[in-house]
């Protein structure tokens, strides 16, 4: 669990976001260490709890102190690696089929290449337009 600051409009349990880094306004902010620097750029986070503390912000006017965690992520993996409990090194699938209904699972936001992950759940086989044998799984970074 990590502590960070989130704009008051989105500071609610269950809200998910991708951390894209800091804005220009954050450079001189005295709260940037807890707000920005303790989150990893490119990662997905989910608000687990909202604390009863609010601060002023140059970007959002008001921000709340929140507890965040990395949520599970749906991803496409090779069928041969897909069983619940398996520990894998995540490798995004290279695919240029931008209109494929499953492309969002081949390189899901929040996971990066070489992330150590555990397969929490096998969901189902998915159709690959390139003929790969893929399945949809729920992953958790470890």
Protein backbone atom coordinates (compact mmCIF):
# COMPACT_ATOMS: atom_id res chain seq x y z
CA UNK A 1 0.00 0.00 0.00
CA UNK A 2 1.28 3.46 -0.91
CA UNK A 3 0.17 6.89 0.22
CA UNK A 4 -0.30 9.62 -2.37
CA UNK A 5 -2.46 12.64 -3.18
CA UNK A 6 -5.31 12.59 -5.67
CA UNK A 7 -7.59 15.34 -6.92
CA UNK A 8 -10.76 15.54 -4.84
CA UNK A 9 -13.03 14.70 -7.79
CA UNK A 10 -11.41 11.26 -8.17
CA UNK A 11 -10.50 10.51 -4.55
CA UNK A 12 -12.90 7.62 -3.96
CA UNK A 13 -12.39 3.96 -3.16
CA UNK A 14 -12.15 1.82 -6.29
CA UNK A 15 -11.05 4.59 -8.66
CA UNK A 16 -8.26 3.40 -10.98
CA UNK A 17 -5.69 5.54 -12.77
CA UNK A 18 -2.40 5.35 -14.64
CA UNK A 19 0.42 7.47 -13.23
CA UNK A 20 1.93 9.43 -16.12
CA UNK A 21 4.47 11.44 -14.13
CA UNK A 22 4.53 15.00 -12.94
CA UNK A 23 3.37 18.24 -14.51
CA UNK A 24 5.40 21.43 -14.69
CA UNK A 25 3.43 22.85 -11.73
CA UNK A 26 4.66 19.98 -9.53
CA UNK A 27 8.36 20.85 -9.80
CA UNK A 28 8.38 23.33 -6.92
CA UNK A 29 5.57 21.85 -4.83
CA UNK A 30 6.55 20.85 -1.30
CA UNK A 31 4.14 17.88 -1.47
CA UNK A 32 5.55 16.36 -4.67
CA UNK A 33 7.54 13.77 -2.74
CA UNK A 34 4.40 12.10 -1.37
CA UNK A 35 2.19 13.02 -4.33
CA UNK A 36 4.34 12.11 -7.34
CA UNK A 37 7.69 10.62 -6.43
CA UNK A 38 6.44 7.53 -4.60
CA UNK A 39 4.44 6.29 -7.61
CA UNK A 40 5.99 4.56 -10.61
CA UNK A 41 5.45 6.15 -13.99
CA UNK A 42 3.37 3.96 -16.29
CA UNK A 43 1.80 1.94 -13.48
CA UNK A 44 -1.89 1.47 -12.77
CA UNK A 45 -3.16 2.19 -9.26
CA UNK A 46 -6.49 1.71 -7.48
CA UNK A 47 -7.64 3.81 -4.53
CA UNK A 48 -8.08 1.50 -1.54
CA UNK A 49 -9.00 4.18 1.03
CA UNK A 50 -9.45 7.93 1.30
CA UNK A 51 -8.09 9.63 4.39
CA UNK A 52 -9.68 12.62 6.05
CA UNK A 53 -6.93 15.05 5.01
CA UNK A 54 -7.04 17.62 2.20
CA UNK A 55 -4.33 19.89 0.74
CA UNK A 56 -4.16 22.80 -1.68
CA UNK A 57 -2.87 21.99 -5.19
CA UNK A 58 -1.72 24.23 -8.06
CA UNK A 59 -3.25 21.87 -10.64
CA UNK A 60 -6.44 20.60 -9.05
CA UNK A 61 -7.14 23.18 -6.33
CA UNK A 62 -7.82 20.47 -3.71
CA UNK A 63 -6.25 17.01 -3.30
CA UNK A 64 -6.98 14.29 -0.77
CA UNK A 65 -4.60 11.89 0.91
CA UNK A 66 -5.36 8.39 -0.40
CA UNK A 67 -4.01 4.87 0.01
CA UNK A 68 -3.40 3.14 -3.33
CA UNK A 69 -2.47 -0.34 -4.46
CA UNK A 70 -1.70 -1.93 -7.80
CA UNK A 71 -4.79 -3.78 -9.02
CA UNK A 72 -4.95 -7.02 -10.93
CA UNK A 73 -4.64 -6.66 -14.69
CA UNK A 74 -6.27 -8.61 -17.48
CA UNK A 75 -3.66 -9.76 -20.00
CA UNK A 76 -3.24 -12.14 -22.91
CA UNK A 77 -0.56 -14.77 -22.43
CA UNK A 78 0.62 -17.84 -24.28
CA UNK A 79 -1.72 -20.74 -23.56
CA UNK A 80 1.20 -22.95 -22.48
CA UNK A 81 2.02 -20.63 -19.55
CA UNK A 82 -1.55 -20.12 -18.36
CA UNK A 83 -2.48 -21.83 -15.15
CA UNK A 84 -3.56 -20.32 -11.86
CA UNK A 85 -0.68 -19.78 -9.46
CA UNK A 86 2.02 -19.73 -12.13
CA UNK A 87 4.78 -17.16 -11.70
CA UNK A 88 5.73 -15.63 -15.05
CA UNK A 89 7.82 -12.83 -16.47
CA UNK A 90 5.35 -10.69 -18.38
CA UNK A 91 6.24 -9.97 -21.97
CA UNK A 92 3.91 -7.71 -23.95
CA UNK A 93 2.81 -9.36 -27.18
CA UNK A 94 3.99 -7.51 -30.25
CA UNK A 95 1.04 -7.01 -32.51
CA UNK A 96 0.12 -4.35 -35.01
CA UNK A 97 -3.55 -5.35 -35.29
CA UNK A 98 -4.88 -2.05 -33.91
CA UNK A 99 -8.50 -2.88 -34.61
CA UNK A 100 -8.39 -6.28 -32.92
CA UNK A 101 -10.92 -6.47 -30.08
CA UNK A 102 -8.29 -8.16 -27.87
CA UNK A 103 -5.32 -5.83 -28.52
CA UNK A 104 -5.77 -4.06 -25.17
CA UNK A 105 -4.88 -7.36 -23.45
CA UNK A 106 -1.70 -7.95 -25.46
CA UNK A 107 0.04 -4.87 -24.03
CA UNK A 108 -2.13 -3.77 -21.09
CA UNK A 109 -1.60 -0.41 -19.43
CA UNK A 110 0.08 -0.67 -16.06
CA UNK A 111 2.29 -3.66 -16.88
CA UNK A 112 5.77 -3.32 -18.31
CA UNK A 113 7.98 -5.84 -20.04
CA UNK A 114 9.87 -8.14 -17.67
CA UNK A 115 7.48 -7.56 -14.76
CA UNK A 116 7.36 -10.54 -12.42
CA UNK A 117 3.71 -11.56 -12.16
CA UNK A 118 1.52 -14.26 -10.73
CA UNK A 119 -1.42 -15.63 -12.69
CA UNK A 120 -4.32 -15.31 -10.28
CA UNK A 121 -6.99 -16.70 -12.54
CA UNK A 122 -7.39 -18.32 -15.94
CA UNK A 123 -10.41 -16.70 -17.61
CA UNK A 124 -10.83 -18.01 -21.16
CA UNK A 125 -9.21 -18.57 -24.54
CA UNK A 126 -9.20 -15.52 -26.79
CA UNK A 127 -9.20 -15.25 -30.54
CA UNK A 128 -5.96 -13.97 -32.01
CA UNK A 129 -6.06 -12.55 -35.53
CA UNK A 130 -2.45 -13.66 -36.02
CA UNK A 131 -3.24 -17.25 -35.05
CA UNK A 132 -1.41 -17.32 -31.71
CA UNK A 133 -2.82 -19.58 -28.99
CA UNK A 134 -3.65 -17.02 -26.31
CA UNK A 135 -5.68 -17.00 -23.14
CA UNK A 136 -6.99 -14.19 -21.02
CA UNK A 137 -5.71 -14.25 -17.45
CA UNK A 138 -5.83 -12.05 -14.38
CA UNK A 139 -2.28 -11.04 -13.37
CA UNK A 140 -0.87 -9.46 -10.23
CA UNK A 141 2.59 -7.92 -10.23
CA UNK A 142 4.80 -9.46 -7.53
